[in-house]
Amino acid sequence: MLTSCSQPSQTEQELREVLNSTLKIEMFQIIQHRDSLISMEQFRERYNHLSVVYLQDGCSPCYPKFVEWHQKMEEMDDVPGHTLLFVIQTEEYDSFIRKVRSLGEEIDEKYYIIIDPDHQFFINNNQIPDWIMNSSMLIDSENKIKMVGAPWINEDMKTLFYKTIGSEQ
């Protein structure tokens, strides 16, 4: 372990504490994909790594963030066993997606969605700082948090993302 003369910042400390901790998503049994529903069990059999993105209906920055995730992930290489999972705090997906579409951007809604009207995601993960919950989290097959932040932000994050999911890019 490396030591230095300075204490880690609050952000660094929170990141260290959250990495390899468990993100609780098992309370959700059904996942929406386009016009169909699949069970969490089937979903996890198909995908070992998930980039989990938490969004809220009524949160103005969340609508462009939804679009940005779709666009930026399209620019990255597909990795077998990885997908995006949006957890959206809303009463109904139609309300959320109407506001997204009002931005005028076309997106192929190919990623997966959990509708969370009762704030279960936030409540069951209350040990994770809010700023991390509002960032994306890459989790493995055991729901362990392996990375925090968008993988396309810079080359270092992109490299870490591909290394973490075991892809030689």
N, C-alpha and C. Protein backbone atom coordinates (compact mmCIF):
# COMPACT_ATOMS: atom_id res chain seq x y z
N MET A 1 0.84 -1.19 0.00
CA MET A 1 0.00 0.00 0.00
C MET A 1 0.87 1.24 0.00
N LEU A 2 0.51 2.17 -0.81
CA LEU A 2 1.29 3.41 -0.90
C LEU A 2 0.87 4.37 0.20
N THR A 3 1.83 5.05 0.72
CA THR A 3 1.52 6.08 1.71
C THR A 3 2.03 7.40 1.20
N SER A 4 1.41 8.45 1.62
CA SER A 4 1.86 9.78 1.22
C SER A 4 1.76 10.72 2.40
N CYS A 5 2.28 11.90 2.21
CA CYS A 5 2.30 12.88 3.29
C CYS A 5 0.93 13.51 3.51
N SER A 6 0.07 13.43 2.52
CA SER A 6 -1.23 14.09 2.67
C SER A 6 -2.34 13.07 2.93
N GLN A 7 -3.34 13.53 3.62
CA GLN A 7 -4.51 12.70 3.88
C GLN A 7 -5.36 12.64 2.61
N PRO A 8 -6.03 11.50 2.37
CA PRO A 8 -6.91 11.45 1.19
C PRO A 8 -8.08 12.42 1.36
N SER A 9 -8.52 12.97 0.25
CA SER A 9 -9.67 13.88 0.31
C SER A 9 -10.92 13.08 0.69
N GLN A 10 -11.96 13.79 1.02
CA GLN A 10 -13.25 13.16 1.35
C GLN A 10 -13.72 12.31 0.16
N THR A 11 -13.57 12.85 -1.04
CA THR A 11 -13.97 12.13 -2.24
C THR A 11 -13.18 10.84 -2.40
N GLU A 12 -11.86 10.92 -2.26
CA GLU A 12 -11.01 9.73 -2.37
C GLU A 12 -11.37 8.70 -1.32
N GLN A 13 -11.60 9.15 -0.12
CA GLN A 13 -11.96 8.25 0.98
C GLN A 13 -13.28 7.53 0.68
N GLU A 14 -14.27 8.28 0.21
CA GLU A 14 -15.57 7.68 -0.11
C GLU A 14 -15.45 6.69 -1.27
N LEU A 15 -14.63 7.02 -2.25
CA LEU A 15 -14.41 6.09 -3.37
C LEU A 15 -13.76 4.80 -2.90
N ARG A 16 -12.76 4.91 -2.07
CA ARG A 16 -12.08 3.71 -1.54
C ARG A 16 -13.04 2.83 -0.77
N GLU A 17 -13.91 3.46 0.00
CA GLU A 17 -14.85 2.69 0.82
C GLU A 17 -15.91 2.00 -0.02
N VAL A 18 -16.30 2.61 -1.13
CA VAL A 18 -17.39 2.04 -1.93
C VAL A 18 -16.90 0.97 -2.91
N LEU A 19 -15.66 1.07 -3.37
CA LEU A 19 -15.16 0.07 -4.31
C LEU A 19 -15.16 -1.31 -3.66
N ASN A 20 -15.67 -2.28 -4.38
CA ASN A 20 -15.83 -3.66 -3.94
C ASN A 20 -16.92 -3.87 -2.89
N SER A 21 -17.68 -2.80 -2.59
CA SER A 21 -18.87 -3.01 -1.75
C SER A 21 -20.01 -3.43 -2.67
N THR A 22 -21.09 -3.91 -2.11
CA THR A 22 -22.20 -4.45 -2.89
C THR A 22 -23.25 -3.39 -3.19
N LEU A 23 -23.63 -3.30 -4.44
CA LEU A 23 -24.74 -2.45 -4.85
C LEU A 23 -25.98 -3.34 -4.83
N LYS A 24 -26.97 -2.94 -4.07
CA LYS A 24 -28.17 -3.77 -3.93
C LYS A 24 -29.16 -3.45 -5.05
N ILE A 25 -29.38 -4.46 -5.89
CA ILE A 25 -30.38 -4.33 -6.96
C ILE A 25 -31.33 -5.52 -6.96
N GLU A 26 -31.11 -6.46 -6.05
CA GLU A 26 -31.89 -7.70 -6.05
C GLU A 26 -33.36 -7.49 -5.66
N MET A 27 -33.69 -6.32 -5.13
CA MET A 27 -35.09 -6.07 -4.77
C MET A 27 -35.96 -5.88 -6.01
N PHE A 28 -35.32 -5.71 -7.15
CA PHE A 28 -36.05 -5.57 -8.41
C PHE A 28 -36.08 -6.92 -9.11
N GLN A 29 -37.26 -7.39 -9.40
CA GLN A 29 -37.43 -8.70 -10.03
C GLN A 29 -37.59 -8.62 -11.55
N ILE A 30 -38.09 -7.47 -12.02
CA ILE A 30 -38.43 -7.33 -13.43
C ILE A 30 -37.66 -6.16 -14.04
N ILE A 31 -37.16 -6.41 -15.24
CA ILE A 31 -36.42 -5.39 -15.96
C ILE A 31 -37.10 -5.18 -17.30
N GLN A 32 -37.21 -3.92 -17.67
CA GLN A 32 -37.86 -3.54 -18.91
C GLN A 32 -36.81 -3.42 -20.02
N HIS A 33 -37.15 -3.97 -21.17
CA HIS A 33 -36.28 -3.84 -22.34
C HIS A 33 -37.16 -3.61 -23.55
N ARG A 34 -37.10 -2.41 -24.08
CA ARG A 34 -37.98 -2.01 -25.17
C ARG A 34 -39.42 -2.32 -24.78
N ASP A 35 -40.11 -3.16 -25.52
CA ASP A 35 -41.52 -3.45 -25.20
C ASP A 35 -41.71 -4.76 -24.45
N SER A 36 -40.66 -5.29 -23.88
CA SER A 36 -40.80 -6.56 -23.17
C SER A 36 -40.23 -6.46 -21.76
N LEU A 37 -40.52 -7.48 -20.98
CA LEU A 37 -40.03 -7.56 -19.61
C LEU A 37 -39.23 -8.85 -19.47
N ILE A 38 -38.14 -8.79 -18.70
CA ILE A 38 -37.39 -10.00 -18.40
C ILE A 38 -37.12 -10.04 -16.91
N SER A 39 -36.90 -11.23 -16.41
CA SER A 39 -36.63 -11.37 -14.98
C SER A 39 -35.18 -10.97 -14.69
N MET A 40 -34.94 -10.53 -13.47
CA MET A 40 -33.59 -10.18 -13.04
C MET A 40 -32.67 -11.39 -13.21
N GLU A 41 -33.20 -12.57 -12.92
CA GLU A 41 -32.40 -13.79 -13.03
C GLU A 41 -31.93 -14.01 -14.48
N GLN A 42 -32.84 -13.90 -15.43
CA GLN A 42 -32.47 -14.05 -16.84
C GLN A 42 -31.48 -12.98 -17.26
N PHE A 43 -31.72 -11.78 -16.81
CA PHE A 43 -30.87 -10.64 -17.14
C PHE A 43 -29.44 -10.87 -16.65
N ARG A 44 -29.30 -11.31 -15.40
CA ARG A 44 -27.96 -11.50 -14.84
C ARG A 44 -27.26 -12.72 -15.44
N GLU A 45 -28.02 -13.68 -15.95
CA GLU A 45 -27.41 -14.81 -16.66
C GLU A 45 -26.76 -14.33 -17.95
N ARG A 46 -27.34 -13.31 -18.53
CA ARG A 46 -26.87 -12.78 -19.81
C ARG A 46 -25.71 -11.79 -19.65
N TYR A 47 -25.72 -11.04 -18.54
CA TYR A 47 -24.73 -9.96 -18.37
C TYR A 47 -23.98 -10.09 -17.05
N ASN A 48 -22.66 -10.18 -17.14
CA ASN A 48 -21.80 -10.25 -15.96
C ASN A 48 -21.50 -8.87 -15.39
N HIS A 49 -21.38 -7.89 -16.27
CA HIS A 49 -21.03 -6.53 -15.86
C HIS A 49 -22.13 -5.57 -16.28
N LEU A 50 -22.50 -4.71 -15.35
CA LEU A 50 -23.52 -3.70 -15.61
C LEU A 50 -22.99 -2.33 -15.27
N SER A 51 -23.24 -1.39 -16.16
CA SER A 51 -23.04 0.01 -15.81
C SER A 51 -24.42 0.49 -15.34
N VAL A 52 -24.53 0.77 -14.05
CA VAL A 52 -25.81 1.15 -13.45
C VAL A 52 -25.87 2.67 -13.36
N VAL A 53 -26.92 3.23 -13.96
CA VAL A 53 -27.08 4.68 -14.01
C VAL A 53 -28.42 5.01 -13.35
N TYR A 54 -28.37 5.81 -12.28
CA TYR A 54 -29.57 6.21 -11.56
C TYR A 54 -30.05 7.57 -12.06
N LEU A 55 -31.32 7.65 -12.43
CA LEU A 55 -31.93 8.88 -12.92
C LEU A 55 -33.27 9.09 -12.23
N GLN A 56 -33.73 10.34 -12.23
CA GLN A 56 -35.01 10.66 -11.61
C GLN A 56 -35.87 11.47 -12.57
N ASP A 57 -37.14 11.12 -12.64
CA ASP A 57 -38.09 11.92 -13.39
C ASP A 57 -38.28 13.22 -12.61
N GLY A 58 -38.29 14.33 -13.30
CA GLY A 58 -38.39 15.62 -12.63
C GLY A 58 -37.04 16.28 -12.40
N CYS A 59 -35.98 15.57 -12.71
CA CYS A 59 -34.61 16.08 -12.57
C CYS A 59 -34.16 16.54 -13.96
N SER A 60 -34.12 17.83 -14.18
CA SER A 60 -33.81 18.36 -15.52
C SER A 60 -32.52 17.83 -16.12
N PRO A 61 -31.41 17.73 -15.37
CA PRO A 61 -30.18 17.20 -15.98
C PRO A 61 -30.24 15.71 -16.31
N CYS A 62 -31.22 14.99 -15.75
CA CYS A 62 -31.30 13.54 -15.97
C CYS A 62 -31.72 13.19 -17.40
N TYR A 63 -32.52 14.02 -18.04
CA TYR A 63 -33.00 13.70 -19.39
C TYR A 63 -31.84 13.74 -20.40
N PRO A 64 -31.05 14.83 -20.41
CA PRO A 64 -29.90 14.82 -21.32
C PRO A 64 -28.85 13.76 -20.93
N LYS A 65 -28.77 13.43 -19.65
CA LYS A 65 -27.83 12.40 -19.20
C LYS A 65 -28.22 11.04 -19.79
N PHE A 66 -29.51 10.76 -19.84
CA PHE A 66 -30.03 9.52 -20.43
C PHE A 66 -29.61 9.44 -21.90
N VAL A 67 -29.79 10.55 -22.62
CA VAL A 67 -29.41 10.61 -24.03
C VAL A 67 -27.90 10.45 -24.18
N GLU A 68 -27.15 11.16 -23.35
CA GLU A 68 -25.69 11.11 -23.43
C GLU A 68 -25.17 9.68 -23.24
N TRP A 69 -25.72 8.97 -22.26
CA TRP A 69 -25.29 7.58 -22.04
C TRP A 69 -25.52 6.73 -23.28
N HIS A 70 -26.67 6.89 -23.90
CA HIS A 70 -26.95 6.13 -25.12
C HIS A 70 -25.95 6.48 -26.22
N GLN A 71 -25.74 7.76 -26.43
CA GLN A 71 -24.85 8.20 -27.51
C GLN A 71 -23.41 7.78 -27.26
N LYS A 72 -22.91 8.01 -26.07
CA LYS A 72 -21.50 7.73 -25.77
C LYS A 72 -21.21 6.23 -25.75
N MET A 73 -22.15 5.43 -25.27
CA MET A 73 -21.92 3.98 -25.27
C MET A 73 -21.94 3.43 -26.69
N GLU A 74 -22.67 4.07 -27.58
CA GLU A 74 -22.66 3.66 -28.99
C GLU A 74 -21.28 3.86 -29.60
N GLU A 75 -20.55 4.86 -29.11
CA GLU A 75 -19.22 5.16 -29.64
C GLU A 75 -18.16 4.20 -29.10
N MET A 76 -18.46 3.54 -28.00
CA MET A 76 -17.50 2.61 -27.41
C MET A 76 -17.67 1.22 -28.01
N ASP A 77 -16.65 0.41 -27.87
CA ASP A 77 -16.72 -0.96 -28.38
C ASP A 77 -17.70 -1.77 -27.54
N ASP A 78 -18.52 -2.57 -28.23
CA ASP A 78 -19.40 -3.50 -27.51
C ASP A 78 -18.55 -4.54 -26.81
N VAL A 79 -18.93 -4.86 -25.61
CA VAL A 79 -18.21 -5.88 -24.85
C VAL A 79 -19.21 -6.96 -24.46
N PRO A 80 -18.98 -8.19 -24.90
CA PRO A 80 -19.89 -9.27 -24.51
C PRO A 80 -19.99 -9.37 -22.99
N GLY A 81 -21.21 -9.55 -22.50
CA GLY A 81 -21.41 -9.69 -21.07
C GLY A 81 -21.55 -8.39 -20.32
N HIS A 82 -21.61 -7.25 -21.05
CA HIS A 82 -21.78 -5.94 -20.41
C HIS A 82 -22.94 -5.20 -21.06
N THR A 83 -23.71 -4.49 -20.26
CA THR A 83 -24.75 -3.60 -20.78
C THR A 83 -25.01 -2.48 -19.78
N LEU A 84 -25.86 -1.56 -20.18
CA LEU A 84 -26.31 -0.48 -19.30
C LEU A 84 -27.61 -0.88 -18.63
N LEU A 85 -27.72 -0.51 -17.38
CA LEU A 85 -28.98 -0.68 -16.64
C LEU A 85 -29.33 0.67 -16.04
N PHE A 86 -30.41 1.25 -16.53
CA PHE A 86 -30.90 2.50 -15.97
C PHE A 86 -31.89 2.19 -14.86
N VAL A 87 -31.68 2.78 -13.70
CA VAL A 87 -32.65 2.71 -12.62
C VAL A 87 -33.29 4.09 -12.58
N ILE A 88 -34.57 4.14 -12.93
CA ILE A 88 -35.24 5.43 -13.05
C ILE A 88 -36.31 5.55 -11.98
N GLN A 89 -36.15 6.57 -11.15
CA GLN A 89 -37.12 6.84 -10.10
C GLN A 89 -38.26 7.63 -10.75
N THR A 90 -39.34 6.93 -11.05
CA THR A 90 -40.51 7.54 -11.68
C THR A 90 -41.72 6.65 -11.44
N GLU A 91 -42.89 7.22 -11.57
CA GLU A 91 -44.11 6.43 -11.47
C GLU A 91 -44.30 5.60 -12.73
N GLU A 92 -43.95 6.19 -13.87
CA GLU A 92 -44.11 5.46 -15.13
C GLU A 92 -43.07 5.91 -16.14
N TYR A 93 -42.55 4.96 -16.86
CA TYR A 93 -41.50 5.20 -17.84
C TYR A 93 -41.95 6.18 -18.92
N ASP A 94 -43.21 6.09 -19.36
CA ASP A 94 -43.71 6.96 -20.43
C ASP A 94 -43.55 8.43 -20.09
N SER A 95 -43.78 8.78 -18.84
CA SER A 95 -43.60 10.17 -18.40
C SER A 95 -42.15 10.61 -18.57
N PHE A 96 -41.23 9.75 -18.16
CA PHE A 96 -39.80 10.05 -18.25
C PHE A 96 -39.37 10.17 -19.72
N ILE A 97 -39.73 9.18 -20.53
CA ILE A 97 -39.24 9.14 -21.91
C ILE A 97 -39.85 10.25 -22.76
N ARG A 98 -41.05 10.71 -22.43
CA ARG A 98 -41.64 11.86 -23.14
C ARG A 98 -40.75 13.09 -22.98
N LYS A 99 -40.25 13.30 -21.76
CA LYS A 99 -39.38 14.45 -21.50
C LYS A 99 -38.03 14.28 -22.20
N VAL A 100 -37.54 13.05 -22.28
CA VAL A 100 -36.29 12.78 -23.01
C VAL A 100 -36.49 13.11 -24.49
N ARG A 101 -37.59 12.64 -25.05
CA ARG A 101 -37.85 12.85 -26.48
C ARG A 101 -38.08 14.32 -26.81
N SER A 102 -38.56 15.09 -25.84
CA SER A 102 -38.78 16.52 -26.07
C SER A 102 -37.47 17.27 -26.31
N LEU A 103 -36.34 16.62 -26.01
CA LEU A 103 -35.03 17.23 -26.27
C LEU A 103 -34.69 17.20 -27.76
N GLY A 104 -35.43 16.40 -28.52
CA GLY A 104 -35.24 16.35 -29.96
C GLY A 104 -34.13 15.42 -30.43
N GLU A 105 -33.56 14.65 -29.53
CA GLU A 105 -32.50 13.71 -29.88
C GLU A 105 -33.12 12.33 -30.14
N GLU A 106 -32.68 11.70 -31.22
CA GLU A 106 -33.12 10.33 -31.50
C GLU A 106 -32.19 9.36 -30.79
N ILE A 107 -32.76 8.44 -30.05
CA ILE A 107 -31.95 7.41 -29.41
C ILE A 107 -32.60 6.05 -29.64
N ASP A 108 -31.75 5.05 -29.77
CA ASP A 108 -32.21 3.68 -29.87
C ASP A 108 -32.26 3.16 -28.44
N GLU A 109 -33.45 2.98 -27.91
CA GLU A 109 -33.59 2.56 -26.51
C GLU A 109 -33.27 1.07 -26.37
N LYS A 110 -32.00 0.73 -26.58
CA LYS A 110 -31.61 -0.68 -26.57
C LYS A 110 -31.17 -1.16 -25.20
N TYR A 111 -31.05 -0.26 -24.25
CA TYR A 111 -30.57 -0.66 -22.94
C TYR A 111 -31.72 -0.99 -21.99
N TYR A 112 -31.39 -1.43 -20.83
CA TYR A 112 -32.35 -2.00 -19.88
C TYR A 112 -32.74 -0.98 -18.82
N ILE A 113 -33.99 -1.15 -18.33
CA ILE A 113 -34.55 -0.14 -17.42
C ILE A 113 -35.26 -0.81 -16.26
N ILE A 114 -35.01 -0.26 -15.09
CA ILE A 114 -35.78 -0.61 -13.90
C ILE A 114 -36.55 0.64 -13.51
N ILE A 115 -37.85 0.48 -13.32
CA ILE A 115 -38.68 1.58 -12.85
C ILE A 115 -38.78 1.45 -11.33
N ASP A 116 -38.45 2.53 -10.64
CA ASP A 116 -38.37 2.52 -9.18
C ASP A 116 -39.24 3.63 -8.58
N PRO A 117 -40.57 3.41 -8.55
CA PRO A 117 -41.45 4.47 -8.05
C PRO A 117 -41.33 4.72 -6.55
N ASP A 118 -40.83 3.75 -5.80
CA ASP A 118 -40.79 3.85 -4.34
C ASP A 118 -39.41 4.15 -3.77
N HIS A 119 -38.49 4.61 -4.61
CA HIS A 119 -37.13 4.97 -4.17
C HIS A 119 -36.37 3.81 -3.53
N GLN A 120 -36.69 2.58 -3.89
CA GLN A 120 -36.06 1.42 -3.27
C GLN A 120 -34.55 1.36 -3.52
N PHE A 121 -34.14 1.80 -4.70
CA PHE A 121 -32.71 1.77 -5.04
C PHE A 121 -31.93 2.65 -4.07
N PHE A 122 -32.40 3.87 -3.88
CA PHE A 122 -31.72 4.81 -2.98
C PHE A 122 -31.81 4.34 -1.53
N ILE A 123 -32.97 3.89 -1.11
CA ILE A 123 -33.18 3.46 0.27
C ILE A 123 -32.29 2.27 0.62
N ASN A 124 -32.24 1.27 -0.27
CA ASN A 124 -31.48 0.05 0.01
C ASN A 124 -29.97 0.21 -0.17
N ASN A 125 -29.56 1.33 -0.74
CA ASN A 125 -28.14 1.60 -0.92
C ASN A 125 -27.72 2.87 -0.18
N ASN A 126 -28.37 3.11 0.96
CA ASN A 126 -28.14 4.37 1.69
C ASN A 126 -26.74 4.49 2.29
N GLN A 127 -25.95 3.41 2.26
CA GLN A 127 -24.58 3.47 2.75
C GLN A 127 -23.65 4.09 1.69
N ILE A 128 -24.13 4.25 0.49
CA ILE A 128 -23.33 4.82 -0.60
C ILE A 128 -23.61 6.32 -0.67
N PRO A 129 -22.56 7.15 -0.68
CA PRO A 129 -22.78 8.61 -0.75
C PRO A 129 -23.62 9.00 -1.98
N ASP A 130 -24.43 10.04 -1.80
CA ASP A 130 -25.32 10.49 -2.87
C ASP A 130 -24.58 10.80 -4.16
N TRP A 131 -23.42 11.43 -4.07
CA TRP A 131 -22.71 11.81 -5.30
C TRP A 131 -22.29 10.57 -6.10
N ILE A 132 -22.02 9.47 -5.40
CA ILE A 132 -21.67 8.23 -6.09
C ILE A 132 -22.93 7.60 -6.68
N MET A 133 -24.02 7.63 -5.92
CA MET A 133 -25.29 7.10 -6.44
C MET A 133 -25.71 7.84 -7.72
N ASN A 134 -25.42 9.13 -7.76
CA ASN A 134 -25.79 9.93 -8.93
C ASN A 134 -24.76 9.87 -10.04
N SER A 135 -23.66 9.17 -9.80
CA SER A 135 -22.69 8.86 -10.85
C SER A 135 -23.07 7.48 -11.37
N SER A 136 -22.38 7.01 -12.36
CA SER A 136 -22.63 5.64 -12.77
C SER A 136 -21.72 4.72 -11.97
N MET A 137 -22.12 3.46 -11.84
CA MET A 137 -21.32 2.47 -11.13
C MET A 137 -21.25 1.23 -12.00
N LEU A 138 -20.05 0.74 -12.21
CA LEU A 138 -19.85 -0.52 -12.91
C LEU A 138 -19.82 -1.61 -11.86
N ILE A 139 -20.71 -2.60 -12.02
CA ILE A 139 -20.74 -3.71 -11.06
C ILE A 139 -20.45 -5.02 -11.78
N ASP A 140 -19.94 -5.98 -11.01
CA ASP A 140 -19.63 -7.30 -11.57
C ASP A 140 -20.79 -8.25 -11.33
N SER A 141 -20.57 -9.53 -11.59
CA SER A 141 -21.63 -10.54 -11.48
C SER A 141 -22.12 -10.73 -10.05
N GLU A 142 -21.33 -10.30 -9.07
CA GLU A 142 -21.73 -10.39 -7.66
C GLU A 142 -22.25 -9.06 -7.13
N ASN A 143 -22.51 -8.12 -8.04
CA ASN A 143 -22.99 -6.78 -7.71
C ASN A 143 -21.98 -5.96 -6.91
N LYS A 144 -20.72 -6.30 -7.03
CA LYS A 144 -19.65 -5.53 -6.37
C LYS A 144 -19.30 -4.34 -7.25
N ILE A 145 -19.19 -3.17 -6.64
CA ILE A 145 -18.86 -1.96 -7.38
C ILE A 145 -17.38 -2.00 -7.75
N LYS A 146 -17.11 -1.93 -9.05
CA LYS A 146 -15.74 -2.02 -9.55
C LYS A 146 -15.21 -0.70 -10.08
N MET A 147 -16.12 0.22 -10.38
CA MET A 147 -15.71 1.50 -10.96
C MET A 147 -16.84 2.50 -10.76
N VAL A 148 -16.48 3.75 -10.53
CA VAL A 148 -17.47 4.82 -10.40
C VAL A 148 -17.16 5.86 -11.46
N GLY A 149 -18.18 6.26 -12.21
CA GLY A 149 -18.01 7.28 -13.22
C GLY A 149 -18.23 6.74 -14.62
N ALA A 150 -18.46 7.65 -15.54
CA ALA A 150 -18.70 7.30 -16.94
C ALA A 150 -17.41 6.85 -17.60
N PRO A 151 -17.44 5.72 -18.29
CA PRO A 151 -16.21 5.19 -18.88
C PRO A 151 -15.66 6.01 -20.04
N TRP A 152 -16.45 6.87 -20.63
CA TRP A 152 -15.99 7.64 -21.79
C TRP A 152 -15.41 9.00 -21.41
N ILE A 153 -15.43 9.36 -20.15
CA ILE A 153 -15.00 10.69 -19.70
C ILE A 153 -13.59 11.05 -20.19
N ASN A 154 -12.67 10.09 -20.12
CA ASN A 154 -11.32 10.32 -20.63
C ASN A 154 -10.68 8.97 -20.96
N GLU A 155 -9.52 9.01 -21.54
CA GLU A 155 -8.86 7.77 -21.97
C GLU A 155 -8.51 6.87 -20.80
N ASP A 156 -8.13 7.45 -19.65
CA ASP A 156 -7.80 6.63 -18.48
C ASP A 156 -9.02 5.85 -18.00
N MET A 157 -10.18 6.51 -17.98
CA MET A 157 -11.40 5.83 -17.55
C MET A 157 -11.79 4.75 -18.56
N LYS A 158 -11.63 5.05 -19.84
CA LYS A 158 -11.95 4.07 -20.87
C LYS A 158 -11.06 2.83 -20.72
N THR A 159 -9.77 3.06 -20.51
CA THR A 159 -8.82 1.96 -20.33
C THR A 159 -9.18 1.15 -19.09
N LEU A 160 -9.48 1.84 -17.99
CA LEU A 160 -9.87 1.15 -16.75
C LEU A 160 -11.13 0.33 -16.96
N PHE A 161 -12.10 0.90 -17.67
CA PHE A 161 -13.36 0.21 -17.96
C PHE A 161 -13.09 -1.10 -18.70
N TYR A 162 -12.35 -1.03 -19.80
CA TYR A 162 -12.08 -2.24 -20.58
C TYR A 162 -11.26 -3.25 -19.78
N LYS A 163 -10.32 -2.77 -19.01
CA LYS A 163 -9.50 -3.66 -18.18
C LYS A 163 -10.36 -4.35 -17.13
N THR A 164 -11.25 -3.59 -16.52
CA THR A 164 -12.10 -4.12 -15.45
C THR A 164 -13.05 -5.20 -15.95
N ILE A 165 -13.59 -5.00 -17.12
CA ILE A 165 -14.53 -6.00 -17.64
C ILE A 165 -13.82 -7.11 -18.41
N GLY A 166 -12.51 -7.03 -18.44
CA GLY A 166 -11.73 -8.13 -19.01
C GLY A 166 -11.62 -8.11 -20.51
N SER A 167 -11.80 -6.95 -21.10
CA SER A 167 -11.71 -6.84 -22.55
C SER A 167 -10.35 -6.24 -22.92
N GLU A 168 -9.71 -6.82 -23.88
CA GLU A 168 -8.42 -6.31 -24.35
C GLU A 168 -8.68 -5.29 -25.45
N GLN A 169 -8.76 -4.03 -25.08
CA GLN A 169 -9.01 -2.96 -26.07
C GLN A 169 -7.79 -2.10 -26.22
